[in-house]
C-alpha atoms as a PDB file:
ATOM      1  CA  UNK A   1       0.000   0.000   0.000  1.00  0.00           C
ATOM      2  CA  UNK A   2       1.288   3.441  -0.897  1.00  0.00           C
ATOM      3  CA  UNK A   3       1.132   6.072   1.838  1.00  0.00           C
ATOM      4  CA  UNK A   4      -0.662   9.301   1.095  1.00  0.00           C
ATOM      5  CA  UNK A   5      -0.287  12.661   2.777  1.00  0.00           C
ATOM      6  CA  UNK A   6      -3.622  12.303   4.547  1.00  0.00           C
ATOM      7  CA  UNK A   7      -2.527   9.130   6.362  1.00  0.00           C
ATOM      8  CA  UNK A   8       0.108  10.939   8.412  1.00  0.00           C
ATOM      9  CA  UNK A   9       0.078  14.029  10.543  1.00  0.00           C
ATOM     10  CA  UNK A  10       3.141  16.051  11.540  1.00  0.00           C
ATOM     11  CA  UNK A  11       2.855  14.802  15.115  1.00  0.00           C
ATOM     12  CA  UNK A  12       3.140  11.142  14.013  1.00  0.00           C
ATOM     13  CA  UNK A  13       6.685  11.619  12.707  1.00  0.00           C
ATOM     14  CA  UNK A  14       9.340  10.446  15.151  1.00  0.00           C
ATOM     15  CA  UNK A  15      12.897  11.654  14.537  1.00  0.00           C
ATOM     16  CA  UNK A  16      15.260   8.711  14.240  1.00  0.00           C
ATOM     17  CA  UNK A  17      18.914   8.751  15.382  1.00  0.00           C
ATOM     18  CA  UNK A  18      20.226  10.153  12.097  1.00  0.00           C
ATOM     19  CA  UNK A  19      23.343  12.253  12.548  1.00  0.00           C
ATOM     20  CA  UNK A  20      23.527  14.260   9.333  1.00  0.00           C
ATOM     21  CA  UNK A  21      24.944  12.973   6.045  1.00  0.00           C
ATOM     22  CA  UNK A  22      27.793  10.487   5.776  1.00  0.00           C
ATOM     23  CA  UNK A  23      28.139  10.973   2.015  1.00  0.00           C
ATOM     24  CA  UNK A  24      26.266  11.945  -1.111  1.00  0.00           C
ATOM     25  CA  UNK A  25      27.160   9.977  -4.247  1.00  0.00           C
ATOM     26  CA  UNK A  26      26.839  10.986  -7.896  1.00  0.00           C
ATOM     27  CA  UNK A  27      28.014   9.716 -11.248  1.00  0.00           C
ATOM     28  CA  UNK A  28      30.752  11.310 -13.335  1.00  0.00           C
ATOM     29  CA  UNK A  29      32.119  10.682 -16.806  1.00  0.00           C
ATOM     30  CA  UNK A  30      35.437  12.366 -16.076  1.00  0.00           C
ATOM     31  CA  UNK A  31      37.163  11.959 -12.720  1.00  0.00           C
ATOM     32  CA  UNK A  32      39.949  14.322 -13.781  1.00  0.00           C
ATOM     33  CA  UNK A  33      37.562  17.270 -14.180  1.00  0.00           C
ATOM     34  CA  UNK A  34      35.628  16.281 -11.062  1.00  0.00           C
ATOM     35  CA  UNK A  35      38.847  16.123  -9.018  1.00  0.00           C
ATOM     36  CA  UNK A  36      40.017  19.485 -10.380  1.00  0.00           C
ATOM     37  CA  UNK A  37      36.680  21.100  -9.451  1.00  0.00           C
ATOM     38  CA  UNK A  38      36.208  19.757  -5.918  1.00  0.00           C
ATOM     39  CA  UNK A  39      39.813  19.333  -4.703  1.00  0.00           C
ATOM     40  CA  UNK A  40      41.808  21.960  -6.563  1.00  0.00           C
ATOM     41  CA  UNK A  41      39.217  24.686  -7.146  1.00  0.00           C
ATOM     42  CA  UNK A  42      36.955  24.327  -4.096  1.00  0.00           C
ATOM     43  CA  UNK A  43      39.500  22.936  -1.616  1.00  0.00           C
ATOM     44  CA  UNK A  44      37.811  19.672  -0.627  1.00  0.00           C
ATOM     45  CA  UNK A  45      40.561  17.059  -0.121  1.00  0.00           C
ATOM     46  CA  UNK A  46      40.272  13.666  -1.800  1.00  0.00           C
ATOM     47  CA  UNK A  47      40.346  11.267   1.176  1.00  0.00           C
ATOM     48  CA  UNK A  48      39.508   7.832  -0.228  1.00  0.00           C
ATOM     49  CA  UNK A  49      39.374   5.983  -3.556  1.00  0.00           C
ATOM     50  CA  UNK A  50      38.144   2.458  -4.186  1.00  0.00           C
ATOM     51  CA  UNK A  51      38.547   0.591  -7.495  1.00  0.00           C
ATOM     52  CA  UNK A  52      36.317  -2.446  -8.039  1.00  0.00           C
ATOM     53  CA  UNK A  53      35.662  -5.016 -10.727  1.00  0.00           C
ATOM     54  CA  UNK A  54      31.992  -5.615 -11.463  1.00  0.00           C
ATOM     55  CA  UNK A  55      30.301  -7.624 -14.220  1.00  0.00           C
ATOM     56  CA  UNK A  56      32.486  -7.281 -17.312  1.00  0.00           C
ATOM     57  CA  UNK A  57      33.831  -3.883 -16.285  1.00  0.00           C
ATOM     58  CA  UNK A  58      34.946  -1.800 -13.346  1.00  0.00           C
ATOM     59  CA  UNK A  59      34.149   1.303 -11.355  1.00  0.00           C
ATOM     60  CA  UNK A  60      36.012   3.865  -9.290  1.00  0.00           C
ATOM     61  CA  UNK A  61      34.330   5.250  -6.161  1.00  0.00           C
ATOM     62  CA  UNK A  62      35.997   8.204  -4.439  1.00  0.00           C
ATOM     63  CA  UNK A  63      35.277  10.654  -1.648  1.00  0.00           C
ATOM     64  CA  UNK A  64      35.980  14.353  -1.046  1.00  0.00           C
ATOM     65  CA  UNK A  65      35.949  15.726   2.518  1.00  0.00           C
ATOM     66  CA  UNK A  66      33.148  18.299   2.971  1.00  0.00           C
ATOM     67  CA  UNK A  67      33.975  18.818   6.669  1.00  0.00           C
ATOM     68  CA  UNK A  68      32.194  17.597   9.819  1.00  0.00           C
ATOM     69  CA  UNK A  69      32.915  13.950   8.849  1.00  0.00           C
ATOM     70  CA  UNK A  70      30.704  14.296   5.761  1.00  0.00           C
ATOM     71  CA  UNK A  71      31.767  13.428   2.228  1.00  0.00           C
ATOM     72  CA  UNK A  72      30.897  14.069  -1.405  1.00  0.00           C
ATOM     73  CA  UNK A  73      31.416  10.898  -3.445  1.00  0.00           C
ATOM     74  CA  UNK A  74      31.475  10.034  -7.129  1.00  0.00           C
ATOM     75  CA  UNK A  75      31.342   6.929  -9.281  1.00  0.00           C
ATOM     76  CA  UNK A  76      33.189   6.656 -12.569  1.00  0.00           C
ATOM     77  CA  UNK A  77      31.679   3.558 -14.206  1.00  0.00           C
ATOM     78  CA  UNK A  78      32.790   1.437 -17.155  1.00  0.00           C
ATOM     79  CA  UNK A  79      30.727  -1.459 -18.521  1.00  0.00           C
ATOM     80  CA  UNK A  80      28.898  -2.264 -15.274  1.00  0.00           C
ATOM     81  CA  UNK A  81      25.346  -2.021 -16.646  1.00  0.00           C
ATOM     82  CA  UNK A  82      25.074   1.636 -17.604  1.00  0.00           C
ATOM     83  CA  UNK A  83      23.272   2.810 -20.747  1.00  0.00           C
ATOM     84  CA  UNK A  84      25.590   3.859 -23.575  1.00  0.00           C
ATOM     85  CA  UNK A  85      24.299   7.430 -23.482  1.00  0.00           C
ATOM     86  CA  UNK A  86      23.927   7.853 -19.716  1.00  0.00           C
ATOM     87  CA  UNK A  87      23.923  11.379 -18.328  1.00  0.00           C
ATOM     88  CA  UNK A  88      25.315  12.752 -15.074  1.00  0.00           C
ATOM     89  CA  UNK A  89      23.258  15.958 -14.963  1.00  0.00           C
ATOM     90  CA  UNK A  90      20.804  14.977 -12.244  1.00  0.00           C
ATOM     91  CA  UNK A  91      18.303  17.754 -12.988  1.00  0.00           C
ATOM     92  CA  UNK A  92      18.540  18.753 -16.648  1.00  0.00           C
ATOM     93  CA  UNK A  93      19.022  15.107 -17.667  1.00  0.00           C
ATOM     94  CA  UNK A  94      15.562  14.417 -16.242  1.00  0.00           C
ATOM     95  CA  UNK A  95      13.952  17.465 -17.851  1.00  0.00           C
ATOM     96  CA  UNK A  96      14.040  19.745 -14.804  1.00  0.00           C
ATOM     97  CA  UNK A  97      15.760  23.104 -14.257  1.00  0.00           C
ATOM     98  CA  UNK A  98      19.386  22.753 -13.132  1.00  0.00           C
ATOM     99  CA  UNK A  99      18.629  24.183  -9.666  1.00  0.00           C
ATOM    100  CA  UNK A 100      16.118  21.499  -8.614  1.00  0.00           C
ATOM    101  CA  UNK A 101      18.546  18.740  -7.555  1.00  0.00           C
ATOM    102  CA  UNK A 102      21.565  20.345  -5.944  1.00  0.00           C
ATOM    103  CA  UNK A 103      24.062  20.059  -3.112  1.00  0.00           C
ATOM    104  CA  UNK A 104      24.239  22.864  -0.536  1.00  0.00           C
ATOM    105  CA  UNK A 105      27.409  23.179   1.549  1.00  0.00           C
ATOM    106  CA  UNK A 106      27.125  25.046   4.864  1.00  0.00           C
ATOM    107  CA  UNK A 107      29.954  27.559   5.298  1.00  0.00           C
ATOM    108  CA  UNK A 108      28.781  28.899   8.662  1.00  0.00           C
ATOM    109  CA  UNK A 109      28.904  32.678   8.191  1.00  0.00           C
ATOM    110  CA  UNK A 110      29.246  35.598   5.749  1.00  0.00           C
ATOM    111  CA  UNK A 111      33.024  35.790   6.132  1.00  0.00           C
ATOM    112  CA  UNK A 112      33.390  32.166   4.997  1.00  0.00           C
ATOM    113  CA  UNK A 113      30.897  32.696   2.158  1.00  0.00           C
ATOM    114  CA  UNK A 114      33.023  35.628   0.954  1.00  0.00           C
ATOM    115  CA  UNK A 115      36.148  33.427   1.191  1.00  0.00           C
ATOM    116  CA  UNK A 116      34.481  30.709  -0.926  1.00  0.00           C
ATOM    117  CA  UNK A 117      33.253  33.262  -3.449  1.00  0.00           C
ATOM    118  CA  UNK A 118      36.785  34.656  -3.839  1.00  0.00           C
ATOM    119  CA  UNK A 119      38.245  31.140  -4.097  1.00  0.00           C
ATOM    120  CA  UNK A 120      35.755  30.328  -6.854  1.00  0.00           C
ATOM    121  CA  UNK A 121      36.522  33.545  -8.712  1.00  0.00           C
ATOM    122  CA  UNK A 122      40.300  33.023  -8.353  1.00  0.00           C
ATOM    123  CA  UNK A 123      39.965  29.481  -9.751  1.00  0.00           C
ATOM    124  CA  UNK A 124      37.704  30.338 -12.679  1.00  0.00           C
ATOM    125  CA  UNK A 125      34.586  28.688 -11.262  1.00  0.00           C
ATOM    126  CA  UNK A 126      31.419  30.220 -12.576  1.00  0.00           C
ATOM    127  CA  UNK A 127      29.071  31.572 -13.580  1.00  0.00           C
ATOM    128  CA  UNK A 128      28.084  32.415 -10.020  1.00  0.00           C
ATOM    129  CA  UNK A 129      24.636  33.461  -8.887  1.00  0.00           C
ATOM    130  CA  UNK A 130      23.797  34.948  -5.494  1.00  0.00           C
ATOM    131  CA  UNK A 131      20.452  34.629  -3.715  1.00  0.00           C
ATOM    132  CA  UNK A 132      19.240  36.115  -0.449  1.00  0.00           C
ATOM    133  CA  UNK A 133      16.538  33.659   0.652  1.00  0.00           C
ATOM    134  CA  UNK A 134      15.531  35.827   3.611  1.00  0.00           C
ATOM    135  CA  UNK A 135      16.872  33.284   6.111  1.00  0.00           C
ATOM    136  CA  UNK A 136      20.089  32.255   4.369  1.00  0.00           C
ATOM    137  CA  UNK A 137      22.516  33.764   1.860  1.00  0.00           C
ATOM    138  CA  UNK A 138      23.791  31.563  -0.984  1.00  0.00           C
ATOM    139  CA  UNK A 139      26.053  31.484  -4.017  1.00  0.00           C
ATOM    140  CA  UNK A 140      25.584  28.934  -6.784  1.00  0.00           C
ATOM    141  CA  UNK A 141      27.630  27.321  -9.529  1.00  0.00           C
ATOM    142  CA  UNK A 142      27.568  24.158 -11.664  1.00  0.00           C
ATOM    143  CA  UNK A 143      30.185  21.402 -11.425  1.00  0.00           C
ATOM    144  CA  UNK A 144      31.654  19.559 -14.465  1.00  0.00           C
ATOM    145  CA  UNK A 145      28.873  16.940 -14.160  1.00  0.00           C
ATOM    146  CA  UNK A 146      26.141  19.607 -14.420  1.00  0.00           C
ATOM    147  CA  UNK A 147      25.280  19.281 -10.722  1.00  0.00           C
ATOM    148  CA  UNK A 148      24.256  22.548  -9.085  1.00  0.00           C
ATOM    149  CA  UNK A 149      26.523  23.371  -6.130  1.00  0.00           C
ATOM    150  CA  UNK A 150      25.530  25.894  -3.465  1.00  0.00           C
ATOM    151  CA  UNK A 151      27.547  27.462  -0.651  1.00  0.00           C
ATOM    152  CA  UNK A 152      25.325  28.914   2.051  1.00  0.00           C
ATOM    153  CA  UNK A 153      24.965  30.043   5.639  1.00  0.00           C
ATOM    154  CA  UNK A 154      21.878  30.672   7.748  1.00  0.00           C
ATOM    155  CA  UNK A 155      21.697  34.365   8.598  1.00  0.00           C
ATOM    156  CA  UNK A 156      18.293  34.315  10.291  1.00  0.00           C
ATOM    157  CA  UNK A 157      17.661  31.016  12.096  1.00  0.00           C
ATOM    158  CA  UNK A 158      14.588  32.440  13.835  1.00  0.00           C
ATOM    159  CA  UNK A 159      12.968  33.151  10.455  1.00  0.00           C
ATOM    160  CA  UNK A 160      13.987  29.716   9.089  1.00  0.00           C
ATOM    161  CA  UNK A 161      12.411  27.959  12.078  1.00  0.00           C
ATOM    162  CA  UNK A 162       9.350  30.218  12.407  1.00  0.00           C
ATOM    163  CA  UNK A 163       6.853  27.478  11.480  1.00  0.00           C
ATOM    164  CA  UNK A 164       5.462  24.748  13.662  1.00  0.00           C
ATOM    165  CA  UNK A 165       5.397  21.229  12.159  1.00  0.00           C
ATOM    166  CA  UNK A 166       1.646  21.701  11.670  1.00  0.00           C
ATOM    167  CA  UNK A 167       2.141  24.977   9.763  1.00  0.00           C
ATOM    168  CA  UNK A 168       4.838  23.436   7.557  1.00  0.00           C
ATOM    169  CA  UNK A 169       2.586  20.431   6.866  1.00  0.00           C
ATOM    170  CA  UNK A 170      -0.329  22.700   5.995  1.00  0.00           C
ATOM    171  CA  UNK A 171       1.808  24.773   3.601  1.00  0.00           C
ATOM    172  CA  UNK A 172       3.099  21.601   1.935  1.00  0.00           C
ATOM    173  CA  UNK A 173      -0.193  19.783   1.468  1.00  0.00           C
ATOM    174  CA  UNK A 174      -3.015  22.314   1.798  1.00  0.00           C
ATOM    175  CA  UNK A 175      -1.884  25.349  -0.212  1.00  0.00           C
ATOM    176  CA  UNK A 176      -3.522  25.625  -3.617  1.00  0.00           C
ATOM    177  CA  UNK A 177      -1.304  26.913  -6.473  1.00  0.00           C
ATOM    178  CA  UNK A 178      -3.514  29.994  -6.881  1.00  0.00           C
ATOM    179  CA  UNK A 179      -2.907  30.846  -3.205  1.00  0.00           C
ATOM    180  CA  UNK A 180       0.886  31.131  -3.641  1.00  0.00           C
ATOM    181  CA  UNK A 181       1.595  34.857  -3.551  1.00  0.00           C
ATOM    182  CA  UNK A 182       3.577  36.714  -6.212  1.00  0.00           C
ATOM    183  CA  UNK A 183       5.978  38.163  -3.613  1.00  0.00           C
ATOM    184  CA  UNK A 184       7.283  34.642  -2.923  1.00  0.00           C
ATOM    185  CA  UNK A 185       9.016  34.629  -6.334  1.00  0.00           C
ATOM    186  CA  UNK A 186      12.792  33.978  -6.007  1.00  0.00           C
ATOM    187  CA  UNK A 187      15.265  36.448  -7.507  1.00  0.00           C
ATOM    188  CA  UNK A 188      18.948  35.881  -8.078  1.00  0.00           C
ATOM    189  CA  UNK A 189      21.691  38.146  -9.272  1.00  0.00           C
ATOM    190  CA  UNK A 190      24.870  37.466 -11.135  1.00  0.00           C
ATOM    191  CA  UNK A 191      27.929  37.820  -8.944  1.00  0.00           C
ATOM    192  CA  UNK A 192      30.340  40.230 -10.600  1.00  0.00           C
ATOM    193  CA  UNK A 193      34.076  40.100 -10.248  1.00  0.00           C
ATOM    194  CA  UNK A 194      36.537  42.968 -10.180  1.00  0.00           C
ATOM    195  CA  UNK A 195      36.608  44.701 -13.526  1.00  0.00           C
ATOM    196  CA  UNK A 196      33.072  43.647 -14.514  1.00  0.00           C
ATOM    197  CA  UNK A 197      30.747  46.463 -15.378  1.00  0.00           C
END
């Protein structure tokens, strides 16, 4: 039986002993470009690589340190059951805008966000977009696999957590499309570098 939204209420959800993310894993067609982006350009050290035989081929599975004992992992696959024309772009490959499926890295504060923005600019990572979500500030870019990457920090935790579980549930399941207000539209701006007009 498939669960529907009406079968559960916010109060019936019990938080399990989950302690954040151990790792996120994605596919890549080019480990060299992926390594250059995450390790060299963004400063996430490569901490583990595994090479495995499978079926008639092999795969490489490797991990970059995101901090806080959390990792960003990739698979480079060769003849292990993949389609000939497989894609690694997790949003656009499925017909969605690039920003739908993305990875958001917490940098803690504005100073660190500015450091990451400068590091990206210095290493030719772009184009960058900046968004003030009202409760967090973010910059965005796309990795070599067409995965949207976000660096963010919460600048107004009270505003982020200003809903009860019941209010969040009601907004998720009981808000009609015509009731979504125009002022909720998201706006981003291009981040300019020195010398840009």
